[in-house]
Amino acid sequence: MPGTQDAPQHHADATVGGVEPVTLDALPKGVAARIVEVRTRSAHERSKLMALGLTPHTVITVNQRFPSIVVEIGFTQIALDIASASAVLVQPD
């Protein structure tokens, strides 16, 4: 229709502050980031990660990258395998 505009669409992948979101497995050690989205193949796996505290808007820091990825959420440290870490999309601060 004339005069109709599509509303801008915002996606979880959108750049914020000039920094592209990355998966948690790509985040360097010592870098703080905010979780944007948890993308898993199954609802069960997503529920498990979210029960560990990996929820959107949560700030996390990578403390270790090998042999597993260890992240800090508040006063808690959680070890994740590469597959789980690659399902978490984060926005570096």
Protein backbone atom coordinates (compact mmCIF):
# COMPACT_ATOMS: atom_id res chain seq x y z
CA MET A 1 0.00 0.00 0.00
CA PRO A 2 1.22 3.52 -0.66
CA GLY A 3 2.49 5.35 2.40
CA THR A 4 2.96 2.13 4.37
CA GLN A 5 6.38 1.40 5.76
CA ASP A 6 7.72 -1.76 7.20
CA ALA A 7 8.58 -1.32 10.85
CA PRO A 8 12.27 -1.79 11.60
CA GLN A 9 12.98 -5.29 12.79
CA HIS A 10 15.37 -5.98 15.63
CA HIS A 11 17.13 -9.30 15.80
CA ALA A 12 19.22 -10.84 18.56
CA ASP A 13 22.12 -10.76 16.08
CA ALA A 14 22.00 -6.96 15.80
CA THR A 15 25.19 -5.07 16.50
CA VAL A 16 25.15 -3.12 19.74
CA GLY A 17 27.73 -0.42 20.36
CA GLY A 18 29.66 -1.40 17.22
CA VAL A 19 30.59 -4.86 18.54
CA GLU A 20 29.19 -7.94 16.83
CA PRO A 21 27.69 -10.67 19.03
CA VAL A 22 29.73 -13.88 19.18
CA THR A 23 29.19 -17.35 20.52
CA LEU A 24 30.50 -17.98 24.01
CA ASP A 25 33.10 -20.46 22.75
CA ALA A 26 34.71 -17.61 20.73
CA LEU A 27 34.88 -15.15 23.64
CA PRO A 28 38.47 -14.58 24.82
CA LYS A 29 39.53 -15.31 28.39
CA GLY A 30 38.94 -12.41 30.78
CA VAL A 31 36.35 -10.67 28.59
CA ALA A 32 32.98 -9.79 30.13
CA ALA A 33 29.88 -10.14 27.97
CA ARG A 34 26.12 -10.03 28.24
CA ILE A 35 24.11 -13.06 27.10
CA VAL A 36 21.91 -12.19 24.12
CA GLU A 37 20.31 -15.55 23.35
CA VAL A 38 20.57 -19.27 24.11
CA ARG A 39 20.25 -21.25 20.86
CA THR A 40 20.04 -24.99 21.29
CA ARG A 41 18.74 -27.88 19.23
CA SER A 42 16.36 -29.01 21.95
CA ALA A 43 14.20 -27.34 24.55
CA HIS A 44 15.62 -29.74 27.16
CA GLU A 45 19.20 -28.60 26.51
CA ARG A 46 18.09 -24.94 26.57
CA SER A 47 16.34 -25.49 29.91
CA LYS A 48 19.47 -27.06 31.39
CA LEU A 49 21.67 -24.14 30.36
CA MET A 50 19.15 -21.60 31.61
CA ALA A 51 18.86 -23.45 34.94
CA LEU A 52 22.62 -22.98 35.33
CA GLY A 53 22.10 -19.22 35.06
CA LEU A 54 22.84 -18.75 31.36
CA THR A 55 19.87 -16.50 30.67
CA PRO A 56 19.49 -13.47 28.39
CA HIS A 57 20.84 -10.19 29.82
CA THR A 58 23.10 -11.99 32.32
CA VAL A 59 26.70 -10.71 32.47
CA ILE A 60 29.35 -13.44 32.32
CA THR A 61 33.14 -13.59 32.16
CA VAL A 62 35.26 -16.37 30.64
CA ASN A 63 37.83 -17.52 33.23
CA GLN A 64 39.23 -20.55 31.37
CA ARG A 65 39.12 -21.84 27.80
CA PHE A 66 40.78 -25.26 28.03
CA PRO A 67 40.08 -28.16 28.59
CA SER A 68 36.56 -26.82 29.08
CA ILE A 69 35.16 -23.31 29.01
CA VAL A 70 34.69 -22.00 32.54
CA VAL A 71 32.49 -18.95 32.93
CA GLU A 72 31.79 -16.83 35.96
CA ILE A 73 28.28 -15.60 36.71
CA GLY A 74 28.30 -13.51 39.86
CA PHE A 75 30.08 -15.66 42.46
CA THR A 76 29.47 -18.92 40.58
CA GLN A 77 31.76 -20.68 38.11
CA ILE A 78 30.34 -23.09 35.54
CA ALA A 79 32.27 -25.43 33.23
CA LEU A 80 30.80 -25.97 29.76
CA ASP A 81 31.74 -28.17 26.86
CA ILE A 82 32.34 -26.56 23.46
CA ALA A 83 28.93 -27.62 22.11
CA SER A 84 27.07 -25.97 24.99
CA ALA A 85 29.21 -22.83 24.85
CA SER A 86 28.63 -22.50 21.11
CA ALA A 87 24.86 -22.39 21.74
CA VAL A 88 25.15 -19.20 23.81
CA LEU A 89 25.27 -15.91 21.89
CA VAL A 90 26.90 -13.05 23.81
CA GLN A 91 27.54 -9.33 23.32
CA PRO A 92 31.01 -8.32 24.61
CA ASP A 93 30.91 -5.31 26.96
